[in-house]
Amino acid sequence: MKQKIVIEVQMHCSQCRSKALKIASVADGIVDFVGLEGPEKDKLVVIGHNVDSAGLTSQLRKKVGHAKIIKIEEVKPEEKKPEEKKKPDDDEKKPCITFPPYPYFDKLVIYEDDYPNNNGNCCQM
């Protein structure tokens, strides 16, 4: 069951916020999302499967500061509606754009070497 947990944590600085996010990301269960919300960024949001909310709150109390669970709710997956394929009308058909083929060469021309003493090497030393 996928659930969303909102925990209010007393966080005084950015280091406290960082520590709280790290603790939440390694919580028991499968964590899909961890973030902060609220005007003062004092609410920690965790979305995942079978996340132990009481254990997470206890860890936050030990390592960050006072924490309390605000709400726990089930996250329902979004239902995707099947899209209907529209057939283009004759009036709405787009013109087909074609390009000319690649250039075609009739003859293969081989030029003789301008430097007869080269003996096939690129440079002379």
Protein backbone atom coordinates (compact mmCIF):
# COMPACT_ATOMS: atom_id res chain seq x y z
CA MET A 1 0.00 0.00 0.00
CA LYS A 2 1.48 3.32 -1.06
CA GLN A 3 1.09 6.02 1.56
CA LYS A 4 1.90 9.67 2.12
CA ILE A 5 3.22 10.63 5.56
CA VAL A 6 3.50 14.24 6.71
CA ILE A 7 5.63 14.83 9.82
CA GLU A 8 6.19 18.21 11.46
CA VAL A 9 9.80 18.50 12.65
CA GLN A 10 11.49 21.39 14.47
CA MET A 11 14.34 22.28 12.13
CA HIS A 12 16.34 25.41 12.88
CA CYS A 13 18.88 25.47 10.03
CA SER A 14 19.67 23.95 6.65
CA GLN A 15 21.86 21.30 8.29
CA CYS A 16 18.87 20.08 10.31
CA ARG A 17 16.77 19.93 7.14
CA SER A 18 19.49 18.00 5.34
CA LYS A 19 19.81 15.54 8.22
CA ALA A 20 16.03 15.02 8.35
CA LEU A 21 15.89 14.33 4.60
CA LYS A 22 18.72 11.78 4.89
CA ILE A 23 17.01 10.00 7.79
CA ALA A 24 13.71 9.86 5.91
CA SER A 25 15.33 8.55 2.72
CA VAL A 26 16.69 5.45 4.49
CA ALA A 27 13.52 4.72 6.50
CA ASP A 28 12.16 1.19 6.82
CA GLY A 29 10.14 0.30 3.74
CA ILE A 30 10.40 1.48 0.15
CA VAL A 31 10.67 5.28 -0.02
CA ASP A 32 9.68 6.83 -3.36
CA PHE A 33 9.75 10.55 -2.50
CA VAL A 34 11.08 12.73 0.31
CA GLY A 35 10.53 16.48 0.47
CA LEU A 36 9.84 19.53 2.59
CA GLU A 37 6.71 21.63 2.49
CA GLY A 38 5.12 24.46 4.36
CA PRO A 39 6.03 28.14 4.45
CA GLU A 40 8.89 27.53 6.90
CA LYS A 41 9.92 24.17 5.39
CA ASP A 42 9.15 22.48 8.68
CA LYS A 43 6.98 19.63 7.36
CA LEU A 44 8.63 16.51 6.04
CA VAL A 45 6.71 14.60 3.36
CA VAL A 46 7.52 10.93 2.73
CA ILE A 47 5.78 8.88 0.03
CA GLY A 48 6.45 5.15 -0.18
CA HIS A 49 5.36 1.58 0.36
CA ASN A 50 5.15 0.09 3.88
CA VAL A 51 7.08 2.97 5.50
CA ASP A 52 7.17 2.72 9.31
CA SER A 53 5.86 6.15 10.31
CA ALA A 54 6.29 5.63 14.07
CA GLY A 55 9.86 4.42 13.67
CA LEU A 56 10.68 7.32 11.34
CA THR A 57 9.25 9.82 13.82
CA SER A 58 11.25 8.25 16.63
CA GLN A 59 14.49 8.51 14.61
CA LEU A 60 13.76 12.16 13.77
CA ARG A 61 13.17 12.92 17.47
CA LYS A 62 16.49 11.34 18.44
CA LYS A 63 18.65 12.96 15.77
CA VAL A 64 16.97 16.24 14.72
CA GLY A 65 14.44 17.58 17.18
CA HIS A 66 10.81 17.38 18.25
CA ALA A 67 8.67 15.62 15.64
CA LYS A 68 5.02 14.71 15.42
CA ILE A 69 2.93 12.97 12.78
CA ILE A 70 0.47 15.33 11.09
CA LYS A 71 -1.27 12.92 8.74
CA ILE A 72 -0.99 9.57 7.03
CA GLU A 73 -3.04 8.97 3.91
CA GLU A 74 -3.19 6.38 1.18
CA VAL A 75 -2.02 7.48 -2.26
CA LYS A 76 -4.20 6.09 -5.00
CA PRO A 77 -2.62 5.56 -8.42
CA GLU A 78 -3.89 7.84 -11.15
CA GLU A 79 -6.23 6.15 -13.55
CA LYS A 80 -5.21 6.64 -17.13
CA LYS A 81 -8.03 7.09 -19.56
CA PRO A 82 -7.64 5.27 -22.84
CA GLU A 83 -7.06 7.77 -25.59
CA GLU A 84 -9.23 7.56 -28.64
CA LYS A 85 -7.36 7.64 -31.90
CA LYS A 86 -8.73 10.27 -34.22
CA LYS A 87 -8.87 9.61 -37.91
CA PRO A 88 -7.91 12.66 -39.95
CA ASP A 89 -10.63 14.00 -42.20
CA ASP A 90 -9.96 14.58 -45.87
CA ASP A 91 -10.01 18.34 -45.29
CA GLU A 92 -7.49 18.18 -42.45
CA LYS A 93 -4.85 16.02 -44.17
CA LYS A 94 -1.38 17.48 -44.04
CA PRO A 95 0.63 17.72 -47.25
CA CYS A 96 3.32 15.12 -47.72
CA ILE A 97 6.82 16.55 -47.97
CA THR A 98 9.33 14.61 -50.05
CA PHE A 99 12.99 15.28 -50.62
CA PRO A 100 15.01 14.54 -53.75
CA PRO A 101 17.28 11.47 -53.60
CA TYR A 102 20.91 11.70 -52.66
CA PRO A 103 23.30 12.79 -55.45
CA TYR A 104 24.21 10.01 -57.82
CA PHE A 105 27.68 9.73 -59.34
CA ASP A 106 28.07 8.20 -62.79
CA LYS A 107 31.82 7.80 -62.93
CA LEU A 108 34.58 7.03 -60.52
CA VAL A 109 37.63 9.15 -61.26
CA ILE A 110 41.03 8.09 -59.95
CA TYR A 111 43.74 10.71 -59.91
CA GLU A 112 47.37 9.80 -60.21
CA ASP A 113 49.78 10.68 -57.45
CA ASP A 114 51.34 14.12 -57.95
CA TYR A 115 54.50 13.06 -56.14
CA PRO A 116 56.09 10.06 -57.90
CA ASN A 117 58.97 9.70 -55.40
CA ASN A 118 56.66 9.41 -52.41
CA ASN A 119 56.61 5.55 -52.42
CA GLY A 120 53.20 5.51 -50.76
CA ASN A 121 54.29 7.33 -47.59
CA CYS A 122 52.50 10.42 -46.34
CA CYS A 123 55.57 12.43 -45.48
CA GLN A 124 59.22 12.40 -46.44
CA MET A 125 61.93 12.49 -43.85
